[in-house]
Amino acid sequence: MIKLFLVILMSLFIIYVGVKIGKREKVDFIAGYNIIFKPRNEKSLQRG
């Protein structure tokens, strides 16, 4: 019974996330998505 409840709860969460992505097209809550790294000082990185 508890397993069924957890499966239903997870299913509702996945559906909620899908609707949120579909309507607002926002995926900023996904870690690392669409992040571009630009170093501030490239010369200091070259010095190794």
PDB file of N, CA and C in Angstrom:
ATOM      1  N   MET A   1       0.823  -1.197   0.000  1.00  0.00           N
ATOM      2  CA  MET A   1       0.000   0.000   0.000  1.00  0.00           C
ATOM      3  C   MET A   1       0.873   1.270   0.000  1.00  0.00           C
ATOM      4  N   ILE A   2       1.933   1.258   0.798  1.00  0.00           N
ATOM      5  CA  ILE A   2       2.811   2.421   0.862  1.00  0.00           C
ATOM      6  C   ILE A   2       3.559   2.584  -0.453  1.00  0.00           C
ATOM      7  N   LYS A   3       3.962   1.474  -1.066  1.00  0.00           N
ATOM      8  CA  LYS A   3       4.660   1.548  -2.353  1.00  0.00           C
ATOM      9  C   LYS A   3       3.757   2.163  -3.415  1.00  0.00           C
ATOM     10  N   LEU A   4       2.488   1.798  -3.412  1.00  0.00           N
ATOM     11  CA  LEU A   4       1.537   2.356  -4.371  1.00  0.00           C
ATOM     12  C   LEU A   4       1.392   3.858  -4.167  1.00  0.00           C
ATOM     13  N   PHE A   5       1.321   4.286  -2.922  1.00  0.00           N
ATOM     14  CA  PHE A   5       1.212   5.708  -2.615  1.00  0.00           C
ATOM     15  C   PHE A   5       2.441   6.465  -3.110  1.00  0.00           C
ATOM     16  N   LEU A   6       3.629   5.904  -2.893  1.00  0.00           N
ATOM     17  CA  LEU A   6       4.854   6.552  -3.346  1.00  0.00           C
ATOM     18  C   LEU A   6       4.929   6.632  -4.864  1.00  0.00           C
ATOM     19  N   VAL A   7       4.484   5.591  -5.551  1.00  0.00           N
ATOM     20  CA  VAL A   7       4.482   5.600  -7.015  1.00  0.00           C
ATOM     21  C   VAL A   7       3.522   6.666  -7.530  1.00  0.00           C
ATOM     22  N   ILE A   8       2.371   6.764  -6.929  1.00  0.00           N
ATOM     23  CA  ILE A   8       1.395   7.786  -7.333  1.00  0.00           C
ATOM     24  C   ILE A   8       1.944   9.181  -7.060  1.00  0.00           C
ATOM     25  N   LEU A   9       2.587   9.366  -5.919  1.00  0.00           N
ATOM     26  CA  LEU A   9       3.161  10.665  -5.572  1.00  0.00           C
ATOM     27  C   LEU A   9       4.260  11.062  -6.546  1.00  0.00           C
ATOM     28  N   MET A  10       5.137  10.152  -6.878  1.00  0.00           N
ATOM     29  CA  MET A  10       6.215  10.441  -7.829  1.00  0.00           C
ATOM     30  C   MET A  10       5.649  10.710  -9.226  1.00  0.00           C
ATOM     31  N   SER A  11       4.629   9.983  -9.600  1.00  0.00           N
ATOM     32  CA  SER A  11       4.004  10.207 -10.910  1.00  0.00           C
ATOM     33  C   SER A  11       3.408  11.605 -10.998  1.00  0.00           C
ATOM     34  N   LEU A  12       2.744  12.029  -9.938  1.00  0.00           N
ATOM     35  CA  LEU A  12       2.168  13.372  -9.932  1.00  0.00           C
ATOM     36  C   LEU A  12       3.257  14.442  -9.988  1.00  0.00           C
ATOM     37  N   PHE A  13       4.380  14.201  -9.319  1.00  0.00           N
ATOM     38  CA  PHE A  13       5.489  15.147  -9.360  1.00  0.00           C
ATOM     39  C   PHE A  13       6.066  15.247 -10.770  1.00  0.00           C
ATOM     40  N   ILE A  14       6.240  14.118 -11.438  1.00  0.00           N
ATOM     41  CA  ILE A  14       6.771  14.116 -12.805  1.00  0.00           C
ATOM     42  C   ILE A  14       5.814  14.817 -13.756  1.00  0.00           C
ATOM     43  N   ILE A  15       4.534  14.601 -13.582  1.00  0.00           N
ATOM     44  CA  ILE A  15       3.540  15.280 -14.419  1.00  0.00           C
ATOM     45  C   ILE A  15       3.575  16.787 -14.159  1.00  0.00           C
ATOM     46  N   TYR A  16       3.709  17.184 -12.892  1.00  0.00           N
ATOM     47  CA  TYR A  16       3.797  18.606 -12.537  1.00  0.00           C
ATOM     48  C   TYR A  16       5.004  19.268 -13.196  1.00  0.00           C
ATOM     49  N   VAL A  17       6.145  18.618 -13.121  1.00  0.00           N
ATOM     50  CA  VAL A  17       7.357  19.167 -13.732  1.00  0.00           C
ATOM     51  C   VAL A  17       7.179  19.260 -15.248  1.00  0.00           C
ATOM     52  N   GLY A  18       6.586  18.259 -15.861  1.00  0.00           N
ATOM     53  CA  GLY A  18       6.353  18.284 -17.305  1.00  0.00           C
ATOM     54  C   GLY A  18       5.438  19.421 -17.720  1.00  0.00           C
ATOM     55  N   VAL A  19       4.408  19.660 -16.956  1.00  0.00           N
ATOM     56  CA  VAL A  19       3.486  20.762 -17.263  1.00  0.00           C
ATOM     57  C   VAL A  19       4.185  22.103 -17.086  1.00  0.00           C
ATOM     58  N   LYS A  20       4.998  22.219 -16.033  1.00  0.00           N
ATOM     59  CA  LYS A  20       5.724  23.470 -15.799  1.00  0.00           C
ATOM     60  C   LYS A  20       6.688  23.770 -16.939  1.00  0.00           C
ATOM     61  N   ILE A  21       7.395  22.760 -17.406  1.00  0.00           N
ATOM     62  CA  ILE A  21       8.316  22.946 -18.523  1.00  0.00           C
ATOM     63  C   ILE A  21       7.541  23.264 -19.796  1.00  0.00           C
ATOM     64  N   GLY A  22       6.450  22.580 -20.018  1.00  0.00           N
ATOM     65  CA  GLY A  22       5.667  22.771 -21.237  1.00  0.00           C
ATOM     66  C   GLY A  22       5.027  24.140 -21.353  1.00  0.00           C
ATOM     67  N   LYS A  23       4.504  24.655 -20.262  1.00  0.00           N
ATOM     68  CA  LYS A  23       3.802  25.932 -20.310  1.00  0.00           C
ATOM     69  C   LYS A  23       4.734  27.131 -20.252  1.00  0.00           C
ATOM     70  N   ARG A  24       5.708  27.084 -19.360  1.00  0.00           N
ATOM     71  CA  ARG A  24       6.560  28.256 -19.152  1.00  0.00           C
ATOM     72  C   ARG A  24       7.895  28.144 -19.859  1.00  0.00           C
ATOM     73  N   GLU A  25       8.213  26.960 -20.309  1.00  0.00           N
ATOM     74  CA  GLU A  25       9.493  26.674 -20.952  1.00  0.00           C
ATOM     75  C   GLU A  25      10.656  27.094 -20.061  1.00  0.00           C
ATOM     76  N   LYS A  26      10.533  26.869 -18.775  1.00  0.00           N
ATOM     77  CA  LYS A  26      11.592  27.192 -17.827  1.00  0.00           C
ATOM     78  C   LYS A  26      12.194  25.905 -17.311  1.00  0.00           C
ATOM     79  N   VAL A  27      13.487  25.810 -17.428  1.00  0.00           N
ATOM     80  CA  VAL A  27      14.188  24.640 -16.915  1.00  0.00           C
ATOM     81  C   VAL A  27      15.353  25.071 -16.033  1.00  0.00           C
ATOM     82  N   ASP A  28      15.228  26.248 -15.413  1.00  0.00           N
ATOM     83  CA  ASP A  28      16.324  26.743 -14.594  1.00  0.00           C
ATOM     84  C   ASP A  28      16.505  25.954 -13.306  1.00  0.00           C
ATOM     85  N   PHE A  29      15.527  25.132 -12.934  1.00  0.00           N
ATOM     86  CA  PHE A  29      15.668  24.329 -11.730  1.00  0.00           C
ATOM     87  C   PHE A  29      16.489  23.072 -11.974  1.00  0.00           C
ATOM     88  N   ILE A  30      16.819  22.772 -13.236  1.00  0.00           N
ATOM     89  CA  ILE A  30      17.665  21.631 -13.547  1.00  0.00           C
ATOM     90  C   ILE A  30      19.121  22.080 -13.390  1.00  0.00           C
ATOM     91  N   ALA A  31      19.848  21.418 -12.533  1.00  0.00           N
ATOM     92  CA  ALA A  31      21.218  21.835 -12.215  1.00  0.00           C
ATOM     93  C   ALA A  31      22.119  21.735 -13.430  1.00  0.00           C
ATOM     94  N   GLY A  32      22.822  22.804 -13.719  1.00  0.00           N
ATOM     95  CA  GLY A  32      23.804  22.812 -14.787  1.00  0.00           C
ATOM     96  C   GLY A  32      23.238  23.008 -16.179  1.00  0.00           C
ATOM     97  N   TYR A  33      21.963  23.240 -16.301  1.00  0.00           N
ATOM     98  CA  TYR A  33      21.373  23.381 -17.626  1.00  0.00           C
ATOM     99  C   TYR A  33      21.580  24.796 -18.145  1.00  0.00           C
ATOM    100  N   ASN A  34      22.127  24.921 -19.348  1.00  0.00           N
ATOM    101  CA  ASN A  34      22.258  26.191 -20.044  1.00  0.00           C
ATOM    102  C   ASN A  34      23.141  27.197 -19.298  1.00  0.00           C
ATOM    103  N   ILE A  35      24.199  26.706 -18.665  1.00  0.00           N
ATOM    104  CA  ILE A  35      25.141  27.588 -17.986  1.00  0.00           C
ATOM    105  C   ILE A  35      26.422  27.641 -18.792  1.00  0.00           C
ATOM    106  N   ILE A  36      26.852  28.830 -19.129  1.00  0.00           N
ATOM    107  CA  ILE A  36      28.079  29.017 -19.899  1.00  0.00           C
ATOM    108  C   ILE A  36      29.113  29.627 -18.963  1.00  0.00           C
ATOM    109  N   PHE A  37      30.264  28.976 -18.857  1.00  0.00           N
ATOM    110  CA  PHE A  37      31.330  29.462 -17.993  1.00  0.00           C
ATOM    111  C   PHE A  37      32.242  30.385 -18.774  1.00  0.00           C
ATOM    112  N   LYS A  38      32.388  31.603 -18.287  1.00  0.00           N
ATOM    113  CA  LYS A  38      33.302  32.568 -18.884  1.00  0.00           C
ATOM    114  C   LYS A  38      34.233  33.063 -17.789  1.00  0.00           C
ATOM    115  N   PRO A  39      35.516  32.719 -17.850  1.00  0.00           N
ATOM    116  CA  PRO A  39      36.438  33.155 -16.801  1.00  0.00           C
ATOM    117  C   PRO A  39      36.637  34.662 -16.828  1.00  0.00           C
ATOM    118  N   ARG A  40      36.847  35.232 -15.663  1.00  0.00           N
ATOM    119  CA  ARG A  40      37.055  36.675 -15.572  1.00  0.00           C
ATOM    120  C   ARG A  40      38.440  37.071 -16.041  1.00  0.00           C
ATOM    121  N   ASN A  41      39.432  36.274 -15.662  1.00  0.00           N
ATOM    122  CA  ASN A  41      40.799  36.610 -16.002  1.00  0.00           C
ATOM    123  C   ASN A  41      41.453  35.388 -16.645  1.00  0.00           C
ATOM    124  N   GLU A  42      41.473  35.344 -17.963  1.00  0.00           N
ATOM    125  CA  GLU A  42      41.982  34.173 -18.676  1.00  0.00           C
ATOM    126  C   GLU A  42      43.492  34.020 -18.518  1.00  0.00           C
ATOM    127  N   LYS A  43      44.242  35.116 -18.355  1.00  0.00           N
ATOM    128  CA  LYS A  43      45.694  35.031 -18.216  1.00  0.00           C
ATOM    129  C   LYS A  43      46.082  34.314 -16.933  1.00  0.00           C
ATOM    130  N   SER A  44      45.345  34.510 -15.869  1.00  0.00           N
ATOM    131  CA  SER A  44      45.682  33.818 -14.632  1.00  0.00           C
ATOM    132  C   SER A  44      45.415  32.318 -14.753  1.00  0.00           C
ATOM    133  N   LEU A  45      44.469  31.929 -15.573  1.00  0.00           N
ATOM    134  CA  LEU A  45      44.204  30.506 -15.802  1.00  0.00           C
ATOM    135  C   LEU A  45      45.296  29.875 -16.665  1.00  0.00           C
ATOM    136  N   GLN A  46      45.926  30.631 -17.528  1.00  0.00           N
ATOM    137  CA  GLN A  46      46.946  30.098 -18.407  1.00  0.00           C
ATOM    138  C   GLN A  46      48.252  29.835 -17.665  1.00  0.00           C
ATOM    139  N   ARG A  47      48.449  30.485 -16.546  1.00  0.00           N
ATOM    140  CA  ARG A  47      49.720  30.360 -15.832  1.00  0.00           C
ATOM    141  C   ARG A  47      49.889  29.008 -15.172  1.00  0.00           C
ATOM    142  N   GLY A  48      49.032  28.163 -15.013  1.00  0.00           N
ATOM    143  CA  GLY A  48      49.187  26.811 -14.502  1.00  0.00           C
ATOM    144  C   GLY A  48      49.998  26.663 -13.362  1.00  0.00           C
TER     145      GLY A  48
END
